Amino acid sequence: YDVIVIGAGVMGAATADALCGRGVSTLLLEQFQLGHNRGSSHGDSRIYRFAYEEALYVDMMRQSLAGWLELDQYTAASSKGPHAPLILRTGGLDIARTGGGRLEALTTQLRRNGLPFELLSAAAARER
């Protein structure tokens, strides 16, 4: 093998898949049975968000979205029955005090990336 990837969780599996897709001879090893609940990504749901204060994380999320959508198309095409989408876009709610820096950092990143958002007062959030 050219590469051995240790750990078949979401990151290890994605790494091995990308390497194989590039023609690299790859061995993927996992110490536990597939589908175990000992990893950081077990369970039914995850959150995919753009609401980060740091540009690096927003950039990574934007870059990875194409890969997630590609994986969704692949799983839909290989599904033998009804296909539930991997990503269901909903929305999110972040709560922060004004003047503390966090809210300003979030809105800066959202604006920089052309992502839609609303700023609500506490009273407006309660009404919704």
Protein backbone atom coordinates (compact mmCIF):
# COMPACT_ATOMS: atom_id res chain seq x y z
CA TYR A 1 0.00 0.00 0.00
CA ASP A 2 1.10 3.55 -0.68
CA VAL A 3 -0.90 4.89 2.28
CA ILE A 4 -2.43 3.34 5.39
CA VAL A 5 -5.21 5.35 7.03
CA ILE A 6 -5.81 4.49 10.68
CA GLY A 7 -9.37 5.10 11.80
CA ALA A 8 -12.43 4.56 9.61
CA GLY A 9 -14.53 7.32 11.09
CA VAL A 10 -15.85 10.10 8.88
CA MET A 11 -12.46 11.78 8.49
CA GLY A 12 -10.52 8.56 7.90
CA ALA A 13 -13.11 7.19 5.50
CA ALA A 14 -13.22 10.46 3.56
CA THR A 15 -9.43 10.55 3.40
CA ALA A 16 -9.22 6.96 2.17
CA ASP A 17 -11.96 7.60 -0.40
CA ALA A 18 -10.18 10.70 -1.72
CA LEU A 19 -6.88 8.82 -1.97
CA CYS A 20 -8.47 5.89 -3.79
CA GLY A 21 -10.19 8.34 -6.12
CA ARG A 22 -6.73 9.64 -7.03
CA GLY A 23 -5.49 6.12 -7.76
CA VAL A 24 -3.45 5.79 -4.56
CA SER A 25 -3.23 2.24 -3.18
CA THR A 26 -4.85 2.69 0.24
CA LEU A 27 -5.57 0.49 3.26
CA LEU A 28 -8.17 1.73 5.76
CA LEU A 29 -7.94 0.25 9.28
CA GLU A 30 -10.48 0.50 12.11
CA GLN A 31 -10.08 -1.01 15.56
CA PHE A 32 -13.80 -1.28 16.26
CA GLN A 33 -16.71 -2.86 14.38
CA LEU A 34 -18.12 -0.58 11.66
CA GLY A 35 -21.02 1.49 12.91
CA HIS A 36 -19.73 1.53 16.52
CA ASN A 37 -20.68 4.33 18.93
CA ARG A 38 -17.21 5.16 20.25
CA GLY A 39 -16.31 7.81 17.70
CA SER A 40 -16.95 11.52 17.64
CA SER A 41 -19.33 11.20 14.70
CA HIS A 42 -21.70 8.43 15.72
CA GLY A 43 -25.44 8.97 15.87
CA ASP A 44 -28.10 10.26 13.52
CA SER A 45 -27.45 13.95 13.11
CA ARG A 46 -24.80 16.60 12.72
CA ILE A 47 -24.75 20.32 12.22
CA TYR A 48 -23.29 21.96 9.14
CA ARG A 49 -23.04 25.69 9.66
CA PHE A 50 -21.34 28.82 8.44
CA ALA A 51 -21.77 30.80 11.66
CA TYR A 52 -18.16 30.93 12.82
CA GLU A 53 -16.20 33.91 14.05
CA GLU A 54 -13.02 32.78 12.31
CA ALA A 55 -12.65 33.14 8.54
CA LEU A 56 -10.71 29.87 8.35
CA TYR A 57 -13.72 27.82 9.51
CA VAL A 58 -16.17 29.59 7.23
CA ASP A 59 -13.81 29.04 4.30
CA MET A 60 -13.46 25.33 5.15
CA MET A 61 -17.24 24.94 5.33
CA ARG A 62 -17.70 26.67 1.97
CA GLN A 63 -15.05 24.46 0.36
CA SER A 64 -16.40 21.24 1.86
CA LEU A 65 -20.01 21.89 0.83
CA ALA A 66 -19.29 20.79 -2.74
CA GLY A 67 -17.94 17.48 -1.43
CA TRP A 68 -21.00 16.92 0.76
CA LEU A 69 -23.33 17.64 -2.15
CA GLU A 70 -21.30 15.27 -4.34
CA LEU A 71 -21.53 12.57 -1.68
CA ASP A 72 -25.28 13.15 -1.45
CA GLN A 73 -25.64 12.64 -5.21
CA TYR A 74 -23.50 9.50 -5.03
CA THR A 75 -25.56 7.97 -2.21
CA ALA A 76 -28.81 8.88 -3.98
CA ALA A 77 -27.60 7.21 -7.18
CA SER A 78 -26.48 4.06 -5.37
CA SER A 79 -29.55 3.84 -3.12
CA LYS A 80 -31.91 0.93 -3.74
CA GLY A 81 -34.85 2.68 -2.13
CA PRO A 82 -35.99 6.12 -1.00
CA HIS A 83 -33.07 8.45 -0.37
CA ALA A 84 -33.01 10.90 2.52
CA PRO A 85 -30.73 13.86 1.74
CA LEU A 86 -27.46 14.06 3.66
CA ILE A 87 -27.87 17.79 4.15
CA LEU A 88 -31.18 19.36 5.05
CA ARG A 89 -30.87 23.13 5.04
CA THR A 90 -32.84 24.70 7.84
CA GLY A 91 -31.35 27.76 9.48
CA GLY A 92 -29.87 28.48 12.83
CA LEU A 93 -30.00 30.75 15.81
CA ASP A 94 -26.95 32.26 17.47
CA ILE A 95 -27.45 34.39 20.54
CA ALA A 96 -24.83 36.87 21.71
CA ARG A 97 -24.59 40.09 23.64
CA THR A 98 -23.97 43.21 21.61
CA GLY A 99 -20.65 44.88 22.23
CA GLY A 100 -18.94 41.68 23.31
CA GLY A 101 -17.15 41.11 20.01
CA ARG A 102 -18.67 37.72 19.15
CA LEU A 103 -21.76 39.07 17.38
CA GLU A 104 -19.67 41.55 15.43
CA ALA A 105 -17.21 38.81 14.39
CA LEU A 106 -20.06 36.54 13.25
CA THR A 107 -21.76 39.24 11.19
CA THR A 108 -18.42 40.21 9.64
CA GLN A 109 -17.89 36.64 8.41
CA LEU A 110 -21.46 36.25 7.21
CA ARG A 111 -21.27 39.51 5.26
CA ARG A 112 -17.82 38.67 3.86
CA ASN A 113 -19.23 35.45 2.44
CA GLY A 114 -22.53 36.84 1.18
CA LEU A 115 -24.51 34.60 3.54
CA PRO A 116 -28.03 35.68 4.52
CA PHE A 117 -28.76 36.52 8.15
CA GLU A 118 -30.97 38.69 10.34
CA LEU A 119 -30.12 40.55 13.50
CA LEU A 120 -32.97 40.45 16.00
CA SER A 121 -33.43 42.27 19.25
CA ALA A 122 -34.27 40.16 22.29
CA ALA A 123 -37.89 41.30 22.01
CA ALA A 124 -38.10 40.36 18.30
CA ALA A 125 -36.57 36.94 18.99
CA ARG A 126 -39.14 36.34 21.75
CA GLU A 127 -41.97 37.23 19.37
CA ARG A 128 -40.85 34.65 16.83
